[in-house]
């Protein structure tokens, strides 16, 4: 039985560099995006950095943050 991985905090006295954190993704209405599962789409709504509504042709999908599979073109 394995325990889930826990993110460890970085100590200031550590000789190792702190882990690199990527900046959060920001989307605006009208941005062209691609999704690993749904394909190409256009952002049609933004909900206060919590979720985006994307039109992928026939389906309109609400994708919540973090946007791991969503990439801005």
PDB file of N, CA and C in Angstrom:
ATOM      1  N   UNK A   1       0.848  -1.177   0.000  1.00  0.00           N
ATOM      2  CA  UNK A   1       0.000   0.000   0.000  1.00  0.00           C
ATOM      3  C   UNK A   1       0.892   1.238   0.000  1.00  0.00           C
ATOM      4  N   UNK A   2       0.639   2.145  -0.917  1.00  0.00           N
ATOM      5  CA  UNK A   2       1.446   3.352  -1.009  1.00  0.00           C
ATOM      6  C   UNK A   2       0.638   4.554  -0.564  1.00  0.00           C
ATOM      7  N   UNK A   3       1.335   5.507  -0.018  1.00  0.00           N
ATOM      8  CA  UNK A   3       0.690   6.744   0.417  1.00  0.00           C
ATOM      9  C   UNK A   3       0.712   7.750  -0.729  1.00  0.00           C
ATOM     10  N   UNK A   4      -0.268   8.651  -0.816  1.00  0.00           N
ATOM     11  CA  UNK A   4      -0.258   9.660  -1.879  1.00  0.00           C
ATOM     12  C   UNK A   4       0.905  10.629  -1.704  1.00  0.00           C
ATOM     13  N   UNK A   5       1.411  11.091  -2.816  1.00  0.00           N
ATOM     14  CA  UNK A   5       2.532  12.030  -2.783  1.00  0.00           C
ATOM     15  C   UNK A   5       2.073  13.365  -2.209  1.00  0.00           C
ATOM     16  N   UNK A   6       2.885  13.919  -1.327  1.00  0.00           N
ATOM     17  CA  UNK A   6       2.577  15.199  -0.705  1.00  0.00           C
ATOM     18  C   UNK A   6       3.654  16.195  -1.128  1.00  0.00           C
ATOM     19  N   UNK A   7       3.238  17.364  -1.552  1.00  0.00           N
ATOM     20  CA  UNK A   7       4.208  18.394  -1.931  1.00  0.00           C
ATOM     21  C   UNK A   7       4.922  18.878  -0.679  1.00  0.00           C
ATOM     22  N   UNK A   8       6.226  18.791  -0.709  1.00  0.00           N
ATOM     23  CA  UNK A   8       7.012  19.223   0.444  1.00  0.00           C
ATOM     24  C   UNK A   8       7.361  20.696   0.304  1.00  0.00           C
ATOM     25  N   UNK A   9       7.413  21.388   1.414  1.00  0.00           N
ATOM     26  CA  UNK A   9       7.774  22.800   1.371  1.00  0.00           C
ATOM     27  C   UNK A   9       9.275  22.936   1.234  1.00  0.00           C
ATOM     28  N   UNK A  10       9.705  24.026   0.643  1.00  0.00           N
ATOM     29  CA  UNK A  10      11.119  24.275   0.426  1.00  0.00           C
ATOM     30  C   UNK A  10      11.669  25.072   1.604  1.00  0.00           C
ATOM     31  N   UNK A  11      12.728  24.575   2.211  1.00  0.00           N
ATOM     32  CA  UNK A  11      13.339  25.271   3.334  1.00  0.00           C
ATOM     33  C   UNK A  11      14.332  26.308   2.813  1.00  0.00           C
ATOM     34  N   UNK A  12      14.356  27.507   3.402  1.00  0.00           N
ATOM     35  CA  UNK A  12      15.296  28.539   2.953  1.00  0.00           C
ATOM     36  C   UNK A  12      16.751  28.127   3.098  1.00  0.00           C
ATOM     37  N   UNK A  13      17.057  27.257   4.036  1.00  0.00           N
ATOM     38  CA  UNK A  13      18.438  26.842   4.256  1.00  0.00           C
ATOM     39  C   UNK A  13      18.861  25.681   3.349  1.00  0.00           C
ATOM     40  N   UNK A  14      17.985  25.214   2.505  1.00  0.00           N
ATOM     41  CA  UNK A  14      18.288  24.084   1.634  1.00  0.00           C
ATOM     42  C   UNK A  14      19.298  24.473   0.557  1.00  0.00           C
ATOM     43  N   UNK A  15      20.259  23.588   0.239  1.00  0.00           N
ATOM     44  CA  UNK A  15      21.224  23.882  -0.823  1.00  0.00           C
ATOM     45  C   UNK A  15      20.627  23.690  -2.220  1.00  0.00           C
ATOM     46  N   UNK A  16      19.437  23.131  -2.305  1.00  0.00           N
ATOM     47  CA  UNK A  16      18.795  22.870  -3.588  1.00  0.00           C
ATOM     48  C   UNK A  16      17.889  24.025  -3.990  1.00  0.00           C
ATOM     49  N   UNK A  17      17.711  24.203  -5.271  1.00  0.00           N
ATOM     50  CA  UNK A  17      16.844  25.270  -5.771  1.00  0.00           C
ATOM     51  C   UNK A  17      15.381  24.909  -5.512  1.00  0.00           C
ATOM     52  N   UNK A  18      14.530  25.915  -5.279  1.00  0.00           N
ATOM     53  CA  UNK A  18      13.106  25.620  -5.075  1.00  0.00           C
ATOM     54  C   UNK A  18      12.484  25.141  -6.379  1.00  0.00           C
ATOM     55  N   UNK A  19      11.414  24.353  -6.300  1.00  0.00           N
ATOM     56  CA  UNK A  19      10.766  23.872  -7.522  1.00  0.00           C
ATOM     57  C   UNK A  19      10.175  25.035  -8.321  1.00  0.00           C
ATOM     58  N   UNK A  20      10.218  24.906  -9.617  1.00  0.00           N
ATOM     59  CA  UNK A  20       9.709  25.955 -10.502  1.00  0.00           C
ATOM     60  C   UNK A  20       8.196  25.808 -10.601  1.00  0.00           C
ATOM     61  N   UNK A  21       7.486  26.895 -10.346  1.00  0.00           N
ATOM     62  CA  UNK A  21       6.035  26.884 -10.483  1.00  0.00           C
ATOM     63  C   UNK A  21       5.666  27.651 -11.737  1.00  0.00           C
ATOM     64  N   UNK A  22       4.813  27.058 -12.549  1.00  0.00           N
ATOM     65  CA  UNK A  22       4.405  27.720 -13.777  1.00  0.00           C
ATOM     66  C   UNK A  22       3.337  28.766 -13.457  1.00  0.00           C
ATOM     67  N   UNK A  23       3.326  29.878 -14.176  1.00  0.00           N
ATOM     68  CA  UNK A  23       2.319  30.900 -13.928  1.00  0.00           C
ATOM     69  C   UNK A  23       0.941  30.384 -14.317  1.00  0.00           C
ATOM     70  N   UNK A  24      -0.107  30.825 -13.639  1.00  0.00           N
ATOM     71  CA  UNK A  24      -1.445  30.365 -13.982  1.00  0.00           C
ATOM     72  C   UNK A  24      -1.837  30.828 -15.376  1.00  0.00           C
ATOM     73  N   UNK A  25      -2.619  30.012 -16.061  1.00  0.00           N
ATOM     74  CA  UNK A  25      -3.062  30.356 -17.408  1.00  0.00           C
ATOM     75  C   UNK A  25      -4.243  31.320 -17.322  1.00  0.00           C
ATOM     76  N   UNK A  26      -4.231  32.319 -18.186  1.00  0.00           N
ATOM     77  CA  UNK A  26      -5.316  33.290 -18.253  1.00  0.00           C
ATOM     78  C   UNK A  26      -5.934  33.235 -19.639  1.00  0.00           C
ATOM     79  N   UNK A  27      -7.241  33.142 -19.693  1.00  0.00           N
ATOM     80  CA  UNK A  27      -7.958  33.086 -20.954  1.00  0.00           C
ATOM     81  C   UNK A  27      -8.926  34.252 -21.034  1.00  0.00           C
ATOM     82  N   UNK A  28      -9.168  34.732 -22.249  1.00  0.00           N
ATOM     83  CA  UNK A  28     -10.116  35.819 -22.489  1.00  0.00           C
ATOM     84  C   UNK A  28     -11.144  35.337 -23.510  1.00  0.00           C
ATOM     85  N   UNK A  29     -12.294  35.975 -23.509  1.00  0.00           N
ATOM     86  CA  UNK A  29     -13.335  35.634 -24.466  1.00  0.00           C
ATOM     87  C   UNK A  29     -12.799  35.863 -25.876  1.00  0.00           C
ATOM     88  N   UNK A  30     -12.979  34.874 -26.740  1.00  0.00           N
ATOM     89  CA  UNK A  30     -12.513  34.955 -28.116  1.00  0.00           C
ATOM     90  C   UNK A  30     -11.195  34.254 -28.367  1.00  0.00           C
ATOM     91  N   UNK A  31     -10.490  33.820 -27.319  1.00  0.00           N
ATOM     92  CA  UNK A  31      -9.216  33.114 -27.500  1.00  0.00           C
ATOM     93  C   UNK A  31      -9.454  31.772 -28.182  1.00  0.00           C
ATOM     94  N   UNK A  32      -8.568  31.430 -29.123  1.00  0.00           N
ATOM     95  CA  UNK A  32      -8.593  30.113 -29.748  1.00  0.00           C
ATOM     96  C   UNK A  32      -7.797  29.174 -28.855  1.00  0.00           C
ATOM     97  N   UNK A  33      -8.348  27.989 -28.569  1.00  0.00           N
ATOM     98  CA  UNK A  33      -7.710  27.034 -27.682  1.00  0.00           C
ATOM     99  C   UNK A  33      -7.782  25.630 -28.287  1.00  0.00           C
ATOM    100  N   UNK A  34      -6.954  24.752 -27.757  1.00  0.00           N
ATOM    101  CA  UNK A  34      -7.028  23.341 -28.106  1.00  0.00           C
ATOM    102  C   UNK A  34      -7.070  22.532 -26.816  1.00  0.00           C
ATOM    103  N   UNK A  35      -7.789  21.414 -26.865  1.00  0.00           N
ATOM    104  CA  UNK A  35      -7.955  20.539 -25.715  1.00  0.00           C
ATOM    105  C   UNK A  35      -7.584  19.125 -26.145  1.00  0.00           C
ATOM    106  N   UNK A  36      -6.950  18.366 -25.262  1.00  0.00           N
ATOM    107  CA  UNK A  36      -6.498  17.019 -25.603  1.00  0.00           C
ATOM    108  C   UNK A  36      -7.653  16.098 -25.995  1.00  0.00           C
ATOM    109  N   UNK A  37      -8.816  16.268 -25.391  1.00  0.00           N
ATOM    110  CA  UNK A  37      -9.942  15.384 -25.655  1.00  0.00           C
ATOM    111  C   UNK A  37     -10.915  15.963 -26.681  1.00  0.00           C
ATOM    112  N   UNK A  38     -11.213  17.273 -26.611  1.00  0.00           N
ATOM    113  CA  UNK A  38     -12.257  17.868 -27.433  1.00  0.00           C
ATOM    114  C   UNK A  38     -11.746  18.493 -28.724  1.00  0.00           C
ATOM    115  N   UNK A  39     -10.469  18.810 -28.818  1.00  0.00           N
ATOM    116  CA  UNK A  39      -9.906  19.387 -30.036  1.00  0.00           C
ATOM    117  C   UNK A  39      -9.875  20.900 -30.008  1.00  0.00           C
ATOM    118  N   UNK A  40     -10.065  21.533 -31.194  1.00  0.00           N
ATOM    119  CA  UNK A  40     -10.001  22.984 -31.318  1.00  0.00           C
ATOM    120  C   UNK A  40     -11.303  23.630 -30.874  1.00  0.00           C
ATOM    121  N   UNK A  41     -11.174  24.815 -30.262  1.00  0.00           N
ATOM    122  CA  UNK A  41     -12.361  25.533 -29.813  1.00  0.00           C
ATOM    123  C   UNK A  41     -12.069  26.998 -29.595  1.00  0.00           C
ATOM    124  N   UNK A  42     -13.121  27.726 -29.184  1.00  0.00           N
ATOM    125  CA  UNK A  42     -13.010  29.158 -28.914  1.00  0.00           C
ATOM    126  C   UNK A  42     -13.656  29.438 -27.563  1.00  0.00           C
ATOM    127  N   UNK A  43     -12.972  30.249 -26.738  1.00  0.00           N
ATOM    128  CA  UNK A  43     -13.489  30.610 -25.416  1.00  0.00           C
ATOM    129  C   UNK A  43     -14.680  31.547 -25.604  1.00  0.00           C
ATOM    130  N   UNK A  44     -15.824  31.181 -24.996  1.00  0.00           N
ATOM    131  CA  UNK A  44     -17.022  32.022 -25.100  1.00  0.00           C
ATOM    132  C   UNK A  44     -17.445  32.586 -23.744  1.00  0.00           C
ATOM    133  N   UNK A  45     -16.747  32.194 -22.671  1.00  0.00           N
ATOM    134  CA  UNK A  45     -17.064  32.732 -21.356  1.00  0.00           C
ATOM    135  C   UNK A  45     -15.954  32.449 -20.367  1.00  0.00           C
ATOM    136  N   UNK A  46     -15.741  33.390 -19.436  1.00  0.00           N
ATOM    137  CA  UNK A  46     -14.726  33.241 -18.384  1.00  0.00           C
ATOM    138  C   UNK A  46     -15.409  33.502 -17.054  1.00  0.00           C
ATOM    139  N   UNK A  47     -15.203  32.613 -16.084  1.00  0.00           N
ATOM    140  CA  UNK A  47     -15.823  32.732 -14.763  1.00  0.00           C
ATOM    141  C   UNK A  47     -14.769  33.037 -13.706  1.00  0.00           C
ATOM    142  N   UNK A  48     -14.326  34.278 -13.610  1.00  0.00           N
ATOM    143  CA  UNK A  48     -13.431  34.758 -12.541  1.00  0.00           C
ATOM    144  C   UNK A  48     -12.259  33.823 -12.257  1.00  0.00           C
ATOM    145  N   UNK A  49     -11.526  33.410 -13.278  1.00  0.00           N
ATOM    146  CA  UNK A  49     -10.343  32.563 -13.137  1.00  0.00           C
ATOM    147  C   UNK A  49     -10.646  31.220 -12.471  1.00  0.00           C
ATOM    148  N   UNK A  50     -11.920  30.831 -12.415  1.00  0.00           N
ATOM    149  CA  UNK A  50     -12.307  29.559 -11.821  1.00  0.00           C
ATOM    150  C   UNK A  50     -12.572  28.531 -12.912  1.00  0.00           C
ATOM    151  N   UNK A  51     -13.183  28.971 -14.001  1.00  0.00           N
ATOM    152  CA  UNK A  51     -13.523  28.078 -15.102  1.00  0.00           C
ATOM    153  C   UNK A  51     -13.691  28.890 -16.380  1.00  0.00           C
ATOM    154  N   UNK A  52     -13.622  28.192 -17.509  1.00  0.00           N
ATOM    155  CA  UNK A  52     -13.883  28.805 -18.809  1.00  0.00           C
ATOM    156  C   UNK A  52     -14.914  27.963 -19.542  1.00  0.00           C
ATOM    157  N   UNK A  53     -15.731  28.625 -20.358  1.00  0.00           N
ATOM    158  CA  UNK A  53     -16.712  27.948 -21.189  1.00  0.00           C
ATOM    159  C   UNK A  53     -16.180  27.999 -22.609  1.00  0.00           C
ATOM    160  N   UNK A  54     -16.004  26.813 -23.220  1.00  0.00           N
ATOM    161  CA  UNK A  54     -15.378  26.721 -24.530  1.00  0.00           C
ATOM    162  C   UNK A  54     -16.351  26.070 -25.506  1.00  0.00           C
ATOM    163  N   UNK A  55     -16.456  26.653 -26.701  1.00  0.00           N
ATOM    164  CA  UNK A  55     -17.294  26.120 -27.775  1.00  0.00           C
ATOM    165  C   UNK A  55     -16.401  25.284 -28.686  1.00  0.00           C
ATOM    166  N   UNK A  56     -16.640  23.978 -28.725  1.00  0.00           N
ATOM    167  CA  UNK A  56     -15.867  23.067 -29.563  1.00  0.00           C
ATOM    168  C   UNK A  56     -16.663  22.633 -30.784  1.00  0.00           C
ATOM    169  N   UNK A  57     -17.508  23.495 -31.304  1.00  0.00           N
ATOM    170  CA  UNK A  57     -18.357  23.127 -32.434  1.00  0.00           C
ATOM    171  C   UNK A  57     -19.722  22.756 -31.909  1.00  0.00           C
ATOM    172  N   UNK A  58     -20.025  21.458 -31.830  1.00  0.00           N
ATOM    173  CA  UNK A  58     -21.334  21.055 -31.318  1.00  0.00           C
ATOM    174  C   UNK A  58     -21.395  21.060 -29.790  1.00  0.00           C
ATOM    175  N   UNK A  59     -20.379  20.549 -29.053  1.00  0.00           N
ATOM    176  CA  UNK A  59     -20.479  20.645 -27.591  1.00  0.00           C
ATOM    177  C   UNK A  59     -19.887  21.952 -27.060  1.00  0.00           C
ATOM    178  N   UNK A  60     -20.533  22.488 -26.037  1.00  0.00           N
ATOM    179  CA  UNK A  60     -19.966  23.602 -25.280  1.00  0.00           C
ATOM    180  C   UNK A  60     -19.609  23.040 -23.911  1.00  0.00           C
ATOM    181  N   UNK A  61     -18.340  23.168 -23.539  1.00  0.00           N
ATOM    182  CA  UNK A  61     -17.830  22.499 -22.347  1.00  0.00           C
ATOM    183  C   UNK A  61     -17.311  23.533 -21.361  1.00  0.00           C
ATOM    184  N   UNK A  62     -17.665  23.358 -20.075  1.00  0.00           N
ATOM    185  CA  UNK A  62     -17.125  24.187 -18.992  1.00  0.00           C
ATOM    186  C   UNK A  62     -15.917  23.461 -18.433  1.00  0.00           C
ATOM    187  N   UNK A  63     -14.755  24.094 -18.504  1.00  0.00           N
ATOM    188  CA  UNK A  63     -13.513  23.490 -18.038  1.00  0.00           C
ATOM    189  C   UNK A  63     -13.035  24.267 -16.820  1.00  0.00           C
ATOM    190  N   UNK A  64     -12.894  23.546 -15.707  1.00  0.00           N
ATOM    191  CA  UNK A  64     -12.500  24.180 -14.446  1.00  0.00           C
ATOM    192  C   UNK A  64     -10.981  24.293 -14.343  1.00  0.00           C
ATOM    193  N   UNK A  65     -10.534  25.246 -13.527  1.00  0.00           N
ATOM    194  CA  UNK A  65      -9.113  25.453 -13.262  1.00  0.00           C
ATOM    195  C   UNK A  65      -8.633  24.335 -12.347  1.00  0.00           C
ATOM    196  N   UNK A  66      -7.444  23.810 -12.438  1.00  0.00           N
ATOM    197  CA  UNK A  66      -6.360  24.170 -13.343  1.00  0.00           C
ATOM    198  C   UNK A  66      -6.609  23.595 -14.728  1.00  0.00           C
ATOM    199  N   UNK A  67      -6.175  24.317 -15.719  1.00  0.00           N
ATOM    200  CA  UNK A  67      -6.464  23.954 -17.107  1.00  0.00           C
ATOM    201  C   UNK A  67      -5.338  23.083 -17.660  1.00  0.00           C
ATOM    202  N   UNK A  68      -5.196  21.864 -17.160  1.00  0.00           N
ATOM    203  CA  UNK A  68      -4.092  20.995 -17.531  1.00  0.00           C
ATOM    204  C   UNK A  68      -4.096  20.589 -18.989  1.00  0.00           C
ATOM    205  N   UNK A  69      -5.253  20.305 -19.558  1.00  0.00           N
ATOM    206  CA  UNK A  69      -5.314  19.827 -20.934  1.00  0.00           C
ATOM    207  C   UNK A  69      -5.695  20.918 -21.929  1.00  0.00           C
ATOM    208  N   UNK A  70      -5.849  22.151 -21.469  1.00  0.00           N
ATOM    209  CA  UNK A  70      -6.277  23.252 -22.321  1.00  0.00           C
ATOM    210  C   UNK A  70      -5.082  24.152 -22.622  1.00  0.00           C
ATOM    211  N   UNK A  71      -4.871  24.423 -23.915  1.00  0.00           N
ATOM    212  CA  UNK A  71      -3.724  25.229 -24.338  1.00  0.00           C
ATOM    213  C   UNK A  71      -4.197  26.341 -25.249  1.00  0.00           C
ATOM    214  N   UNK A  72      -3.681  27.561 -25.009  1.00  0.00           N
ATOM    215  CA  UNK A  72      -4.017  28.704 -25.849  1.00  0.00           C
ATOM    216  C   UNK A  72      -3.188  28.634 -27.130  1.00  0.00           C
ATOM    217  N   UNK A  73      -3.820  28.931 -28.260  1.00  0.00           N
ATOM    218  CA  UNK A  73      -3.114  28.913 -29.549  1.00  0.00           C
ATOM    219  C   UNK A  73      -2.630  30.305 -29.910  1.00  0.00           C
TER     220      UNK A  73
END
